[in-house]
All heavy atoms as atom14 arrays in JSON, in Angstrom:
{
  "sequence": "HYIFNNINQIFDKLFIHDSYSCRKGKGTHYGINRID",
  "atom14_mask": [
    [1, 1, 1, 1, 1, 1, 1, 1, 1, 1, 0, 0, 0, 0],
    [1, 1, 1, 1, 1, 1, 1, 1, 1, 1, 1, 1, 0, 0],
    [1, 1, 1, 1, 1, 1, 1, 1, 0, 0, 0, 0, 0, 0],
    [1, 1, 1, 1, 1, 1, 1, 1, 1, 1, 1, 0, 0, 0],
    [1, 1, 1, 1, 1, 1, 1, 1, 0, 0, 0, 0, 0, 0],
    [1, 1, 1, 1, 1, 1, 1, 1, 0, 0, 0, 0, 0, 0],
    [1, 1, 1, 1, 1, 1, 1, 1, 0, 0, 0, 0, 0, 0],
    [1, 1, 1, 1, 1, 1, 1, 1, 0, 0, 0, 0, 0, 0],
    [1, 1, 1, 1, 1, 1, 1, 1, 1, 0, 0, 0, 0, 0],
    [1, 1, 1, 1, 1, 1, 1, 1, 0, 0, 0, 0, 0, 0],
    [1, 1, 1, 1, 1, 1, 1, 1, 1, 1, 1, 0, 0, 0],
    [1, 1, 1, 1, 1, 1, 1, 1, 0, 0, 0, 0, 0, 0],
    [1, 1, 1, 1, 1, 1, 1, 1, 1, 0, 0, 0, 0, 0],
    [1, 1, 1, 1, 1, 1, 1, 1, 0, 0, 0, 0, 0, 0],
    [1, 1, 1, 1, 1, 1, 1, 1, 1, 1, 1, 0, 0, 0],
    [1, 1, 1, 1, 1, 1, 1, 1, 0, 0, 0, 0, 0, 0],
    [1, 1, 1, 1, 1, 1, 1, 1, 1, 1, 0, 0, 0, 0],
    [1, 1, 1, 1, 1, 1, 1, 1, 0, 0, 0, 0, 0, 0],
    [1, 1, 1, 1, 1, 1, 0, 0, 0, 0, 0, 0, 0, 0],
    [1, 1, 1, 1, 1, 1, 1, 1, 1, 1, 1, 1, 0, 0],
    [1, 1, 1, 1, 1, 1, 0, 0, 0, 0, 0, 0, 0, 0],
    [1, 1, 1, 1, 1, 1, 0, 0, 0, 0, 0, 0, 0, 0],
    [1, 1, 1, 1, 1, 1, 1, 1, 1, 1, 1, 0, 0, 0],
    [1, 1, 1, 1, 1, 1, 1, 1, 1, 0, 0, 0, 0, 0],
    [1, 1, 1, 1, 0, 0, 0, 0, 0, 0, 0, 0, 0, 0],
    [1, 1, 1, 1, 1, 1, 1, 1, 1, 0, 0, 0, 0, 0],
    [1, 1, 1, 1, 0, 0, 0, 0, 0, 0, 0, 0, 0, 0],
    [1, 1, 1, 1, 1, 1, 1, 0, 0, 0, 0, 0, 0, 0],
    [1, 1, 1, 1, 1, 1, 1, 1, 1, 1, 0, 0, 0, 0],
    [1, 1, 1, 1, 1, 1, 1, 1, 1, 1, 1, 1, 0, 0],
    [1, 1, 1, 1, 0, 0, 0, 0, 0, 0, 0, 0, 0, 0],
    [1, 1, 1, 1, 1, 1, 1, 1, 0, 0, 0, 0, 0, 0],
    [1, 1, 1, 1, 1, 1, 1, 1, 0, 0, 0, 0, 0, 0],
    [1, 1, 1, 1, 1, 1, 1, 1, 1, 1, 1, 0, 0, 0],
    [1, 1, 1, 1, 1, 1, 1, 1, 0, 0, 0, 0, 0, 0],
    [1, 1, 1, 1, 1, 1, 1, 1, 0, 0, 0, 0, 0, 0]
  ],
  "atom14_positions": [
    [[7.16, -7.99, 11.91], [6.59, -8.73, 10.79], [5.4, -9.57, 11.25], [4.45, -9.76, 10.48], [7.66, -9.62, 10.14], [8.56, -8.89, 9.2], [8.28, -8.74, 7.86], [9.72, -8.22, 9.41], [9.24, -8.04, 7.28], [10.12, -7.71, 8.2], [0.0, 0.0, 0.0], [0.0, 0.0, 0.0], [0.0, 0.0, 0.0], [0.0, 0.0, 0.0]],
    [[5.45, -10.07, 12.46], [4.31, -10.82, 13.03], [3.07, -9.92, 13.05], [1.98, -10.33, 12.63], [4.67, -11.28, 14.44], [3.57, -12.01, 15.18], [3.5, -13.39, 15.17], [2.6, -11.31, 15.89], [2.49, -14.07, 15.86], [1.59, -11.96, 16.58], [1.54, -13.35, 16.56], [0.54, -14.0, 17.23], [0.0, 0.0, 0.0], [0.0, 0.0, 0.0]],
    [[3.23, -8.7, 13.55], [2.12, -7.75, 13.6], [1.64, -7.42, 12.19], [0.43, -7.45, 11.9], [2.54, -6.46, 14.34], [2.82, -6.76, 15.82], [1.46, -5.38, 14.21], [3.46, -5.6, 16.57], [0.0, 0.0, 0.0], [0.0, 0.0, 0.0], [0.0, 0.0, 0.0], [0.0, 0.0, 0.0], [0.0, 0.0, 0.0], [0.0, 0.0, 0.0]],
    [[2.59, -7.09, 11.31], [2.25, -6.73, 9.93], [1.46, -7.85, 9.25], [0.43, -7.6, 8.61], [3.53, -6.43, 9.15], [3.31, -5.94, 7.75], [3.19, -4.6, 7.48], [3.21, -6.84, 6.69], [2.97, -4.14, 6.18], [3.0, -6.4, 5.4], [2.87, -5.04, 5.15], [0.0, 0.0, 0.0], [0.0, 0.0, 0.0], [0.0, 0.0, 0.0]],
    [[1.94, -9.07, 9.39], [1.3, -10.21, 8.73], [-0.12, -10.46, 9.24], [-0.96, -11.01, 8.52], [2.13, -11.48, 8.91], [3.45, -11.43, 8.15], [3.62, -10.61, 7.25], [4.39, -12.28, 8.53], [0.0, 0.0, 0.0], [0.0, 0.0, 0.0], [0.0, 0.0, 0.0], [0.0, 0.0, 0.0], [0.0, 0.0, 0.0], [0.0, 0.0, 0.0]],
    [[-0.39, -10.06, 10.48], [-1.69, -10.31, 11.08], [-2.72, -9.21, 10.81], [-3.93, -9.48, 10.83], [-1.56, -10.52, 12.58], [-1.23, -11.96, 12.95], [-2.12, -12.8, 13.03], [0.05, -12.25, 13.14], [0.0, 0.0, 0.0], [0.0, 0.0, 0.0], [0.0, 0.0, 0.0], [0.0, 0.0, 0.0], [0.0, 0.0, 0.0], [0.0, 0.0, 0.0]],
    [[-2.27, -7.97, 10.58], [-3.25, -6.89, 10.43], [-3.22, -6.18, 9.09], [-4.17, -5.46, 8.76], [-3.09, -5.84, 11.56], [-1.78, -5.03, 11.4], [-3.16, -6.48, 12.93], [-1.68, -3.84, 12.35], [0.0, 0.0, 0.0], [0.0, 0.0, 0.0], [0.0, 0.0, 0.0], [0.0, 0.0, 0.0], [0.0, 0.0, 0.0], [0.0, 0.0, 0.0]],
    [[-2.17, -6.39, 8.31], [-2.07, -5.63, 7.06], [-3.23, -5.91, 6.11], [-3.72, -5.01, 5.42], [-0.74, -5.93, 6.35], [-0.57, -5.11, 5.09], [-0.61, -3.88, 5.14], [-0.41, -5.77, 3.97], [0.0, 0.0, 0.0], [0.0, 0.0, 0.0], [0.0, 0.0, 0.0], [0.0, 0.0, 0.0], [0.0, 0.0, 0.0], [0.0, 0.0, 0.0]],
    [[-3.69, -7.18, 6.07], [-4.78, -7.52, 5.16], [-6.07, -6.8, 5.52], [-6.92, -6.54, 4.66], [-5.0, -9.04, 5.11], [-5.81, -9.62, 6.26], [-5.0, -9.83, 7.52], [-3.81, -9.5, 7.56], [-5.61, -10.39, 8.56], [0.0, 0.0, 0.0], [0.0, 0.0, 0.0], [0.0, 0.0, 0.0], [0.0, 0.0, 0.0], [0.0, 0.0, 0.0]],
    [[-6.22, -6.43, 6.79], [-7.41, -5.67, 7.22], [-7.31, -4.23, 6.74], [-8.24, -3.71, 6.12], [-7.55, -5.71, 8.76], [-7.87, -7.13, 9.24], [-8.63, -4.72, 9.23], [-7.86, -7.28, 10.74], [0.0, 0.0, 0.0], [0.0, 0.0, 0.0], [0.0, 0.0, 0.0], [0.0, 0.0, 0.0], [0.0, 0.0, 0.0], [0.0, 0.0, 0.0]],
    [[-6.16, -3.61, 7.0], [-6.04, -2.19, 6.71], [-5.84, -1.9, 5.23], [-6.27, -0.85, 4.74], [-4.9, -1.59, 7.54], [-5.24, -1.43, 8.98], [-4.85, -2.37, 9.91], [-6.01, -0.35, 9.41], [-5.19, -2.24, 11.25], [-6.35, -0.2, 10.74], [-5.95, -1.15, 11.66], [0.0, 0.0, 0.0], [0.0, 0.0, 0.0], [0.0, 0.0, 0.0]],
    [[-5.21, -2.81, 4.51], [-4.98, -2.56, 3.1], [-6.3, -2.38, 2.35], [-6.38, -1.61, 1.38], [-4.17, -3.7, 2.47], [-3.54, -3.3, 1.16], [-2.65, -2.41, 1.17], [-3.94, -3.83, 0.11], [0.0, 0.0, 0.0], [0.0, 0.0, 0.0], [0.0, 0.0, 0.0], [0.0, 0.0, 0.0], [0.0, 0.0, 0.0], [0.0, 0.0, 0.0]],
    [[-7.35, -3.06, 2.79], [-8.67, -2.92, 2.17], [-9.35, -1.61, 2.56], [-10.3, -1.19, 1.89], [-9.54, -4.12, 2.55], [-9.06, -5.44, 1.98], [-9.91, -6.6, 2.45], [-9.38, -7.92, 1.88], [-10.16, -9.09, 2.37], [0.0, 0.0, 0.0], [0.0, 0.0, 0.0], [0.0, 0.0, 0.0], [0.0, 0.0, 0.0], [0.0, 0.0, 0.0]],
    [[-8.88, -1.0, 3.64], [-9.46, 0.26, 4.09], [-8.78, 1.47, 3.45], [-9.35, 2.56, 3.39], [-9.37, 0.38, 5.61], [-10.06, -0.72, 6.43], [-9.81, -0.49, 7.92], [-11.55, -0.77, 6.14], [0.0, 0.0, 0.0], [0.0, 0.0, 0.0], [0.0, 0.0, 0.0], [0.0, 0.0, 0.0], [0.0, 0.0, 0.0], [0.0, 0.0, 0.0]],
    [[-7.55, 1.27, 2.99], [-6.79, 2.37, 2.39], [-7.38, 2.75, 1.03], [-7.93, 1.91, 0.32], [-5.32, 1.98, 2.2], [-4.56, 1.74, 3.47], [-3.49, 0.86, 3.5], [-4.91, 2.39, 4.65], [-2.78, 0.63, 4.66], [-4.21, 2.17, 5.83], [-3.14, 1.28, 5.83], [0.0, 0.0, 0.0], [0.0, 0.0, 0.0], [0.0, 0.0, 0.0]],
    [[-7.21, 4.02, 0.66], [-7.56, 4.43, -0.69], [-6.56, 3.81, -1.67], [-5.46, 3.4, -1.28], [-7.56, 5.97, -0.84], [-6.13, 6.54, -0.63], [-8.56, 6.62, 0.1], [-5.99, 8.0, -1.03], [0.0, 0.0, 0.0], [0.0, 0.0, 0.0], [0.0, 0.0, 0.0], [0.0, 0.0, 0.0], [0.0, 0.0, 0.0], [0.0, 0.0, 0.0]],
    [[-6.94, 3.74, -2.92], [-6.06, 3.12, -3.92], [-4.74, 3.87, -4.04], [-3.69, 3.25, -4.25], [-6.76, 3.09, -5.29], [-5.95, 2.44, -6.36], [-5.87, 1.07, -6.51], [-5.15, 2.97, -7.33], [-5.07, 0.79, -7.51], [-4.62, 1.92, -8.04], [0.0, 0.0, 0.0], [0.0, 0.0, 0.0], [0.0, 0.0, 0.0], [0.0, 0.0, 0.0]],
    [[-4.8, 5.19, -3.9], [-3.61, 6.01, -4.16], [-2.86, 6.43, -2.91], [-2.4, 7.55, -2.77], [-4.01, 7.22, -5.01], [-4.32, 6.82, -6.44], [-3.36, 6.54, -7.17], [-5.5, 6.73, -6.79], [0.0, 0.0, 0.0], [0.0, 0.0, 0.0], [0.0, 0.0, 0.0], [0.0, 0.0, 0.0], [0.0, 0.0, 0.0], [0.0, 0.0, 0.0]],
    [[-2.71, 5.48, -2.0], [-1.76, 5.58, -0.9], [-0.64, 4.6, -1.25], [-0.88, 3.4, -1.37], [-2.43, 5.18, 0.43], [-1.48, 5.02, 1.44], [0.0, 0.0, 0.0], [0.0, 0.0, 0.0], [0.0, 0.0, 0.0], [0.0, 0.0, 0.0], [0.0, 0.0, 0.0], [0.0, 0.0, 0.0], [0.0, 0.0, 0.0], [0.0, 0.0, 0.0]],
    [[0.58, 5.09, -1.47], [1.59, 4.3, -2.18], [2.65, 3.64, -1.31], [3.32, 2.72, -1.76], [2.29, 5.2, -3.22], [1.36, 5.99, -4.09], [1.43, 7.38, -4.14], [0.39, 5.36, -4.87], [0.57, 8.12, -4.94], [-0.48, 6.09, -5.67], [-0.38, 7.48, -5.7], [-1.25, 8.2, -6.48], [0.0, 0.0, 0.0], [0.0, 0.0, 0.0]],
    [[2.83, 4.09, -0.1], [3.94, 3.61, 0.72], [3.64, 2.28, 1.39], [2.53, 2.06, 1.9], [4.27, 4.66, 1.8], [5.23, 4.16, 2.71], [0.0, 0.0, 0.0], [0.0, 0.0, 0.0], [0.0, 0.0, 0.0], [0.0, 0.0, 0.0], [0.0, 0.0, 0.0], [0.0, 0.0, 0.0], [0.0, 0.0, 0.0], [0.0, 0.0, 0.0]],
    [[4.64, 1.39, 1.4], [4.58, 0.14, 2.16], [3.37, -0.71, 1.78], [2.7, -1.28, 2.65], [4.57, 0.44, 3.66], [4.89, -0.99, 4.73], [0.0, 0.0, 0.0], [0.0, 0.0, 0.0], [0.0, 0.0, 0.0], [0.0, 0.0, 0.0], [0.0, 0.0, 0.0], [0.0, 0.0, 0.0], [0.0, 0.0, 0.0], [0.0, 0.0, 0.0]],
    [[3.1, -0.81, 0.48], [1.97, -1.6, 0.02], [2.38, -2.44, -1.19], [3.08, -1.96, -2.08], [0.78, -0.71, -0.35], [0.24, 0.08, 0.81], [-0.95, 0.92, 0.4], [-2.1, 0.09, 0.05], [-3.2, 0.57, -0.53], [-3.28, 1.87, -0.82], [-4.2, -0.23, -0.8], [0.0, 0.0, 0.0], [0.0, 0.0, 0.0], [0.0, 0.0, 0.0]],
    [[1.94, -3.69, -1.19], [2.28, -4.61, -2.26], [1.75, -4.08, -3.59], [0.58, -3.71, -3.7], [1.69, -5.99, -1.97], [2.15, -7.07, -2.94], [1.63, -8.43, -2.51], [2.12, -9.52, -3.46], [1.62, -10.86, -3.05], [0.0, 0.0, 0.0], [0.0, 0.0, 0.0], [0.0, 0.0, 0.0], [0.0, 0.0, 0.0], [0.0, 0.0, 0.0]],
    [[2.61, -4.06, -4.59], [2.21, -3.59, -5.91], [2.21, -2.09, -6.06], [1.86, -1.57, -7.13], [0.0, 0.0, 0.0], [0.0, 0.0, 0.0], [0.0, 0.0, 0.0], [0.0, 0.0, 0.0], [0.0, 0.0, 0.0], [0.0, 0.0, 0.0], [0.0, 0.0, 0.0], [0.0, 0.0, 0.0], [0.0, 0.0, 0.0], [0.0, 0.0, 0.0]],
    [[2.6, -1.36, -5.01], [2.63, 0.11, -5.09], [4.09, 0.57, -5.01], [4.94, 0.01, -5.66], [1.77, 0.71, -3.96], [0.31, 0.22, -3.94], [-0.49, 0.74, -5.13], [-1.9, 0.16, -5.17], [-2.77, 0.72, -4.16], [0.0, 0.0, 0.0], [0.0, 0.0, 0.0], [0.0, 0.0, 0.0], [0.0, 0.0, 0.0], [0.0, 0.0, 0.0]],
    [[4.37, 1.59, -4.22], [5.74, 2.08, -4.09], [5.98, 3.37, -4.85], [5.07, 3.96, -5.44], [0.0, 0.0, 0.0], [0.0, 0.0, 0.0], [0.0, 0.0, 0.0], [0.0, 0.0, 0.0], [0.0, 0.0, 0.0], [0.0, 0.0, 0.0], [0.0, 0.0, 0.0], [0.0, 0.0, 0.0], [0.0, 0.0, 0.0], [0.0, 0.0, 0.0]],
    [[7.24, 3.81, -4.87], [7.58, 5.12, -5.45], [7.31, 5.18, -6.94], [6.73, 6.14, -7.44], [9.04, 5.47, -5.17], [9.89, 4.43, -5.67], [9.3, 5.63, -3.68], [0.0, 0.0, 0.0], [0.0, 0.0, 0.0], [0.0, 0.0, 0.0], [0.0, 0.0, 0.0], [0.0, 0.0, 0.0], [0.0, 0.0, 0.0], [0.0, 0.0, 0.0]],
    [[7.76, 4.16, -7.67], [7.6, 4.18, -9.13], [6.12, 4.2, -9.51], [5.71, 4.95, -10.41], [8.3, 2.96, -9.74], [8.19, 2.87, -11.23], [8.59, 3.89, -12.06], [7.7, 1.89, -12.04], [8.37, 3.55, -13.32], [7.83, 2.34, -13.33], [0.0, 0.0, 0.0], [0.0, 0.0, 0.0], [0.0, 0.0, 0.0], [0.0, 0.0, 0.0]],
    [[5.32, 3.41, -8.81], [3.89, 3.38, -9.07], [3.27, 4.76, -8.78], [2.44, 5.26, -9.54], [3.22, 2.31, -8.22], [1.73, 2.15, -8.46], [1.26, 1.35, -9.49], [0.8, 2.82, -7.67], [-0.1, 1.2, -9.73], [-0.56, 2.69, -7.89], [-1.0, 1.88, -8.92], [-2.35, 1.75, -9.16], [0.0, 0.0, 0.0], [0.0, 0.0, 0.0]],
    [[3.68, 5.36, -7.65], [3.16, 6.66, -7.27], [3.48, 7.74, -8.29], [2.63, 8.58, -8.63], [0.0, 0.0, 0.0], [0.0, 0.0, 0.0], [0.0, 0.0, 0.0], [0.0, 0.0, 0.0], [0.0, 0.0, 0.0], [0.0, 0.0, 0.0], [0.0, 0.0, 0.0], [0.0, 0.0, 0.0], [0.0, 0.0, 0.0], [0.0, 0.0, 0.0]],
    [[4.7, 7.72, -8.8], [5.12, 8.7, -9.81], [4.25, 8.56, -11.07], [3.76, 9.54, -11.63], [6.61, 8.51, -10.15], [7.48, 8.93, -8.96], [7.0, 9.3, -11.4], [8.92, 8.47, -9.05], [0.0, 0.0, 0.0], [0.0, 0.0, 0.0], [0.0, 0.0, 0.0], [0.0, 0.0, 0.0], [0.0, 0.0, 0.0], [0.0, 0.0, 0.0]],
    [[4.06, 7.33, -11.5], [3.26, 7.09, -12.71], [1.8, 7.47, -12.51], [1.13, 7.94, -13.44], [3.37, 5.63, -13.14], [4.7, 5.32, -13.82], [5.32, 6.21, -14.4], [5.14, 4.09, -13.74], [0.0, 0.0, 0.0], [0.0, 0.0, 0.0], [0.0, 0.0, 0.0], [0.0, 0.0, 0.0], [0.0, 0.0, 0.0], [0.0, 0.0, 0.0]],
    [[1.28, 7.26, -11.3], [-0.12, 7.63, -11.03], [-0.3, 9.15, -11.07], [-1.29, 9.65, -11.63], [-0.54, 7.09, -9.66], [-0.85, 5.62, -9.67], [-2.1, 5.28, -10.45], [-3.32, 5.68, -9.74], [-4.54, 5.53, -10.23], [-4.72, 5.04, -11.45], [-5.61, 5.91, -9.53], [0.0, 0.0, 0.0], [0.0, 0.0, 0.0], [0.0, 0.0, 0.0]],
    [[0.64, 9.9, -10.48], [0.53, 11.36, -10.52], [0.64, 11.85, -11.96], [-0.08, 12.77, -12.38], [1.6, 12.01, -9.63], [1.39, 11.61, -8.16], [1.57, 13.53, -9.77], [0.03, 11.97, -7.58], [0.0, 0.0, 0.0], [0.0, 0.0, 0.0], [0.0, 0.0, 0.0], [0.0, 0.0, 0.0], [0.0, 0.0, 0.0], [0.0, 0.0, 0.0]],
    [[1.52, 11.25, -12.74], [1.63, 11.58, -14.16], [0.3, 11.31, -14.87], [-0.18, 12.13, -15.67], [2.74, 10.76, -14.8], [2.89, 11.01, -16.29], [3.06, 12.18, -16.68], [2.8, 10.04, -17.07], [0.0, 0.0, 0.0], [0.0, 0.0, 0.0], [0.0, 0.0, 0.0], [0.0, 0.0, 0.0], [0.0, 0.0, 0.0], [0.0, 0.0, 0.0]]
  ]
}
């Protein structure tokens, strides 16, 4: 969690919008609705 808290804010901005795993506000339900 120490590592995650220090670097996630950097990488989350580099990810495409439609990468759904392990991201705040995303997840399986969000991914299903986006594909729909």
